[in-house]
Amino acid sequence: MKGIVVFKHKENFSRLSDVFKAIGNIENEYNWLITNSEFVSQNDTPFFNESYTWIKGEKLSELISKDDGYWIWGVFSAFEKNIKKEEVLTYPLPFANGYKGFWEVPLTLQNPLAEFEIVEWDGNTLIVISKNDKIIDSLKKYYPFACDLEKYNSED
């Protein structure tokens, strides 16, 4: 399990289209649980207003292509397509502010069935934790100023 943290920088990481581009636009390969979200729409699109949203990657891509506003808060948990929503919801809904697991070693995903989590934190920080090292490596290339999350958590 690997993770990164990206603090506010001139590059834009509060738009999902940029994060998806950084990981090779693989979002369509997953179903997504979106929780704890606060979204600023570019065209007043009312979505992601419930306590959680379960959405196919293709639909998420479609929505983002229509309104790529920015995220102040949000946890985006990616699940293999064969994992059912009912299974996922047997675990507590992931949240951003106050989750201590982001800042502990070893890193953990909030939902153990997830493959990776993208977390938009207060509009100025991006956290990604993944079982797939390639996702983190891709993000490090796209955001060269990103910090290895375990190393960051181990510093005094």
C-alpha atoms as a PDB file:
ATOM      1  CA  MET A   1       0.000   0.000   0.000  1.00  0.00           C
ATOM      2  CA  LYS A   2       1.339   3.401  -0.990  1.00  0.00           C
ATOM      3  CA  GLY A   3       0.103   6.936  -0.626  1.00  0.00           C
ATOM      4  CA  ILE A   4       0.867  10.523  -1.499  1.00  0.00           C
ATOM      5  CA  VAL A   5      -0.130  13.904  -0.201  1.00  0.00           C
ATOM      6  CA  VAL A   6      -0.125  16.993  -2.414  1.00  0.00           C
ATOM      7  CA  PHE A   7      -0.396  20.347  -0.712  1.00  0.00           C
ATOM      8  CA  LYS A   8      -1.712  23.438  -2.505  1.00  0.00           C
ATOM      9  CA  HIS A   9       0.429  24.288  -5.482  1.00  0.00           C
ATOM     10  CA  LYS A  10      -0.054  26.154  -8.729  1.00  0.00           C
ATOM     11  CA  GLU A  11      -1.205  22.955 -10.441  1.00  0.00           C
ATOM     12  CA  ASN A  12      -4.844  22.121 -10.040  1.00  0.00           C
ATOM     13  CA  PHE A  13      -5.705  18.939  -8.184  1.00  0.00           C
ATOM     14  CA  SER A  14      -9.140  19.953  -6.920  1.00  0.00           C
ATOM     15  CA  ARG A  15     -10.592  19.093 -10.317  1.00  0.00           C
ATOM     16  CA  LEU A  16     -11.135  15.385 -10.774  1.00  0.00           C
ATOM     17  CA  SER A  17     -10.362  15.579 -14.485  1.00  0.00           C
ATOM     18  CA  ASP A  18      -6.756  16.486 -13.610  1.00  0.00           C
ATOM     19  CA  VAL A  19      -6.428  13.689 -11.062  1.00  0.00           C
ATOM     20  CA  PHE A  20      -7.935  11.184 -13.502  1.00  0.00           C
ATOM     21  CA  LYS A  21      -5.573  12.376 -16.230  1.00  0.00           C
ATOM     22  CA  ALA A  22      -2.659  11.833 -13.834  1.00  0.00           C
ATOM     23  CA  ILE A  23      -3.636   8.188 -13.310  1.00  0.00           C
ATOM     24  CA  GLY A  24      -4.191   7.469 -17.000  1.00  0.00           C
ATOM     25  CA  ASN A  25      -7.971   7.975 -17.086  1.00  0.00           C
ATOM     26  CA  ILE A  26      -8.634   4.569 -15.514  1.00  0.00           C
ATOM     27  CA  GLU A  27     -11.720   5.760 -13.623  1.00  0.00           C
ATOM     28  CA  ASN A  28     -14.023   3.878 -16.022  1.00  0.00           C
ATOM     29  CA  GLU A  29     -12.575   0.579 -14.789  1.00  0.00           C
ATOM     30  CA  TYR A  30     -14.150   1.074 -11.355  1.00  0.00           C
ATOM     31  CA  ASN A  31     -17.354   1.751  -9.508  1.00  0.00           C
ATOM     32  CA  TRP A  32     -17.094   4.671  -7.106  1.00  0.00           C
ATOM     33  CA  LEU A  33     -18.394   5.446  -3.658  1.00  0.00           C
ATOM     34  CA  ILE A  34     -18.356   9.221  -3.179  1.00  0.00           C
ATOM     35  CA  THR A  35     -18.808  10.468   0.370  1.00  0.00           C
ATOM     36  CA  ASN A  36     -18.262  13.526   2.525  1.00  0.00           C
ATOM     37  CA  SER A  37     -18.404  15.725  -0.558  1.00  0.00           C
ATOM     38  CA  GLU A  38     -18.575  19.455  -1.036  1.00  0.00           C
ATOM     39  CA  PHE A  39     -18.491  20.445  -4.700  1.00  0.00           C
ATOM     40  CA  VAL A  40     -18.474  23.877  -6.335  1.00  0.00           C
ATOM     41  CA  SER A  41     -20.235  23.526  -9.664  1.00  0.00           C
ATOM     42  CA  GLN A  42     -19.270  25.485 -12.758  1.00  0.00           C
ATOM     43  CA  ASN A  43     -22.837  25.438 -14.028  1.00  0.00           C
ATOM     44  CA  ASP A  44     -25.036  24.747 -10.992  1.00  0.00           C
ATOM     45  CA  THR A  45     -25.235  21.015 -11.594  1.00  0.00           C
ATOM     46  CA  PRO A  46     -26.910  19.542  -8.491  1.00  0.00           C
ATOM     47  CA  PHE A  47     -25.145  16.250  -7.875  1.00  0.00           C
ATOM     48  CA  PHE A  48     -23.354  14.480  -5.033  1.00  0.00           C
ATOM     49  CA  ASN A  49     -25.648  16.104  -2.447  1.00  0.00           C
ATOM     50  CA  GLU A  50     -26.567  12.885  -0.610  1.00  0.00           C
ATOM     51  CA  SER A  51     -24.627  11.251   2.241  1.00  0.00           C
ATOM     52  CA  TYR A  52     -23.137   8.958  -0.379  1.00  0.00           C
ATOM     53  CA  THR A  53     -23.229   8.378  -4.113  1.00  0.00           C
ATOM     54  CA  TRP A  54     -22.598   5.008  -5.759  1.00  0.00           C
ATOM     55  CA  ILE A  55     -21.715   5.557  -9.399  1.00  0.00           C
ATOM     56  CA  LYS A  56     -20.158   3.712 -12.323  1.00  0.00           C
ATOM     57  CA  GLY A  57     -16.877   5.117 -13.567  1.00  0.00           C
ATOM     58  CA  GLU A  58     -18.356   5.810 -16.994  1.00  0.00           C
ATOM     59  CA  LYS A  59     -21.132   7.927 -15.467  1.00  0.00           C
ATOM     60  CA  LEU A  60     -18.653   9.774 -13.248  1.00  0.00           C
ATOM     61  CA  SER A  61     -16.527  10.571 -16.322  1.00  0.00           C
ATOM     62  CA  GLU A  62     -19.615  11.813 -18.141  1.00  0.00           C
ATOM     63  CA  LEU A  63     -20.618  14.087 -15.249  1.00  0.00           C
ATOM     64  CA  ILE A  64     -17.090  15.474 -14.894  1.00  0.00           C
ATOM     65  CA  SER A  65     -16.938  16.196 -18.633  1.00  0.00           C
ATOM     66  CA  LYS A  66     -20.152  18.256 -18.290  1.00  0.00           C
ATOM     67  CA  ASP A  67     -19.190  20.054 -15.076  1.00  0.00           C
ATOM     68  CA  ASP A  68     -15.575  19.945 -13.937  1.00  0.00           C
ATOM     69  CA  GLY A  69     -16.045  22.227 -10.977  1.00  0.00           C
ATOM     70  CA  TYR A  70     -13.763  21.878  -8.003  1.00  0.00           C
ATOM     71  CA  TRP A  71     -13.919  19.824  -4.859  1.00  0.00           C
ATOM     72  CA  ILE A  72     -13.478  21.308  -1.433  1.00  0.00           C
ATOM     73  CA  TRP A  73     -14.112  18.006   0.341  1.00  0.00           C
ATOM     74  CA  GLY A  74     -14.688  14.503  -0.894  1.00  0.00           C
ATOM     75  CA  VAL A  75     -13.650  10.895  -0.531  1.00  0.00           C
ATOM     76  CA  PHE A  76     -13.678   8.943  -3.795  1.00  0.00           C
ATOM     77  CA  SER A  77     -13.306   5.225  -3.134  1.00  0.00           C
ATOM     78  CA  ALA A  78     -12.658   3.036  -6.195  1.00  0.00           C
ATOM     79  CA  PHE A  79     -13.990  -0.523  -6.281  1.00  0.00           C
ATOM     80  CA  GLU A  80     -13.544  -3.332  -8.775  1.00  0.00           C
ATOM     81  CA  LYS A  81     -16.697  -3.703 -10.884  1.00  0.00           C
ATOM     82  CA  ASN A  82     -17.528  -7.099  -9.345  1.00  0.00           C
ATOM     83  CA  ILE A  83     -17.857  -5.591  -5.835  1.00  0.00           C
ATOM     84  CA  LYS A  84     -21.511  -4.848  -5.072  1.00  0.00           C
ATOM     85  CA  LYS A  85     -22.779  -1.682  -3.413  1.00  0.00           C
ATOM     86  CA  GLU A  86     -24.464  -3.752  -0.699  1.00  0.00           C
ATOM     87  CA  GLU A  87     -21.088  -5.276   0.259  1.00  0.00           C
ATOM     88  CA  VAL A  88     -19.422  -1.868   0.312  1.00  0.00           C
ATOM     89  CA  LEU A  89     -22.126  -0.388   2.531  1.00  0.00           C
ATOM     90  CA  THR A  90     -21.537  -2.982   5.255  1.00  0.00           C
ATOM     91  CA  TYR A  91     -18.596  -0.748   6.253  1.00  0.00           C
ATOM     92  CA  PRO A  92     -18.827   2.810   7.641  1.00  0.00           C
ATOM     93  CA  LEU A  93     -18.917   5.576   5.034  1.00  0.00           C
ATOM     94  CA  PRO A  94     -15.454   7.079   4.445  1.00  0.00           C
ATOM     95  CA  PHE A  95     -14.852  10.672   5.529  1.00  0.00           C
ATOM     96  CA  ALA A  96     -12.083  13.209   5.125  1.00  0.00           C
ATOM     97  CA  ASN A  97     -11.853  15.631   8.021  1.00  0.00           C
ATOM     98  CA  GLY A  98     -10.997  13.804  11.228  1.00  0.00           C
ATOM     99  CA  TYR A  99      -9.962  10.452   9.781  1.00  0.00           C
ATOM    100  CA  LYS A 100      -6.746   9.648  11.652  1.00  0.00           C
ATOM    101  CA  GLY A 101      -5.740   6.814   9.298  1.00  0.00           C
ATOM    102  CA  PHE A 102      -4.406   9.266   6.707  1.00  0.00           C
ATOM    103  CA  TRP A 103      -1.711  10.298   9.151  1.00  0.00           C
ATOM    104  CA  GLU A 104      -0.656   6.902  10.520  1.00  0.00           C
ATOM    105  CA  VAL A 105       1.827   4.243   9.435  1.00  0.00           C
ATOM    106  CA  PRO A 106       1.005   1.796   7.972  1.00  0.00           C
ATOM    107  CA  LEU A 107      -1.452   3.431   5.569  1.00  0.00           C
ATOM    108  CA  THR A 108      -4.942   1.990   5.386  1.00  0.00           C
ATOM    109  CA  LEU A 109      -7.952   2.450   3.167  1.00  0.00           C
ATOM    110  CA  GLN A 110     -11.139   3.369   4.993  1.00  0.00           C
ATOM    111  CA  ASN A 111     -13.049   0.650   3.183  1.00  0.00           C
ATOM    112  CA  PRO A 112     -10.983  -2.544   2.915  1.00  0.00           C
ATOM    113  CA  LEU A 113     -12.806  -3.547  -0.284  1.00  0.00           C
ATOM    114  CA  ALA A 114     -11.590  -0.413  -2.102  1.00  0.00           C
ATOM    115  CA  GLU A 115      -8.634  -0.508  -4.477  1.00  0.00           C
ATOM    116  CA  PHE A 116      -7.737   3.125  -3.860  1.00  0.00           C
ATOM    117  CA  GLU A 117      -9.058   6.338  -2.346  1.00  0.00           C
ATOM    118  CA  ILE A 118      -8.787   9.867  -3.665  1.00  0.00           C
ATOM    119  CA  VAL A 119      -9.407  12.454  -0.959  1.00  0.00           C
ATOM    120  CA  GLU A 120      -9.975  16.150  -1.567  1.00  0.00           C
ATOM    121  CA  TRP A 121      -9.148  17.859   1.708  1.00  0.00           C
ATOM    122  CA  ASP A 122     -10.413  21.381   2.409  1.00  0.00           C
ATOM    123  CA  GLY A 123      -9.822  22.502  -1.190  1.00  0.00           C
ATOM    124  CA  ASN A 124      -6.064  22.677  -0.719  1.00  0.00           C
ATOM    125  CA  THR A 125      -4.773  19.143  -0.189  1.00  0.00           C
ATOM    126  CA  LEU A 126      -5.008  15.927  -2.179  1.00  0.00           C
ATOM    127  CA  ILE A 127      -4.448  12.556  -0.505  1.00  0.00           C
ATOM    128  CA  VAL A 128      -4.368   9.283  -2.439  1.00  0.00           C
ATOM    129  CA  ILE A 129      -3.878   5.840  -0.919  1.00  0.00           C
ATOM    130  CA  SER A 130      -3.738   2.807  -3.193  1.00  0.00           C
ATOM    131  CA  LYS A 131      -3.171  -0.933  -3.197  1.00  0.00           C
ATOM    132  CA  ASN A 132      -1.763  -0.453  -6.722  1.00  0.00           C
ATOM    133  CA  ASP A 133       1.691   1.150  -6.614  1.00  0.00           C
ATOM    134  CA  LYS A 134       1.398   2.174 -10.293  1.00  0.00           C
ATOM    135  CA  ILE A 135      -1.361   4.645  -9.434  1.00  0.00           C
ATOM    136  CA  ILE A 136       0.829   6.370  -6.854  1.00  0.00           C
ATOM    137  CA  ASP A 137       3.841   6.318  -9.186  1.00  0.00           C
ATOM    138  CA  SER A 138       1.744   7.981 -11.928  1.00  0.00           C
ATOM    139  CA  LEU A 139       0.602  10.674  -9.517  1.00  0.00           C
ATOM    140  CA  LYS A 140       4.188  11.329  -8.408  1.00  0.00           C
ATOM    141  CA  LYS A 141       5.165  11.903 -12.045  1.00  0.00           C
ATOM    142  CA  TYR A 142       2.231  14.240 -12.616  1.00  0.00           C
ATOM    143  CA  TYR A 143       2.731  16.063  -9.303  1.00  0.00           C
ATOM    144  CA  PRO A 144       6.527  15.952  -8.765  1.00  0.00           C
ATOM    145  CA  PHE A 145       6.173  18.086  -5.620  1.00  0.00           C
ATOM    146  CA  ALA A 146       3.957  15.436  -3.961  1.00  0.00           C
ATOM    147  CA  CYS A 147       5.137  13.875  -0.701  1.00  0.00           C
ATOM    148  CA  ASP A 148       5.263  10.157  -0.010  1.00  0.00           C
ATOM    149  CA  LEU A 149       2.540   9.858   2.630  1.00  0.00           C
ATOM    150  CA  GLU A 150       4.259   7.241   4.803  1.00  0.00           C
ATOM    151  CA  LYS A 151       7.491   9.259   4.834  1.00  0.00           C
ATOM    152  CA  TYR A 152       5.537  12.415   5.617  1.00  0.00           C
ATOM    153  CA  ASN A 153       3.787  10.627   8.495  1.00  0.00           C
ATOM    154  CA  SER A 154       7.113   9.345   9.853  1.00  0.00           C
ATOM    155  CA  GLU A 155       8.748  12.776  10.051  1.00  0.00           C
ATOM    156  CA  ASP A 156       9.004  14.452  13.435  1.00  0.00           C
END
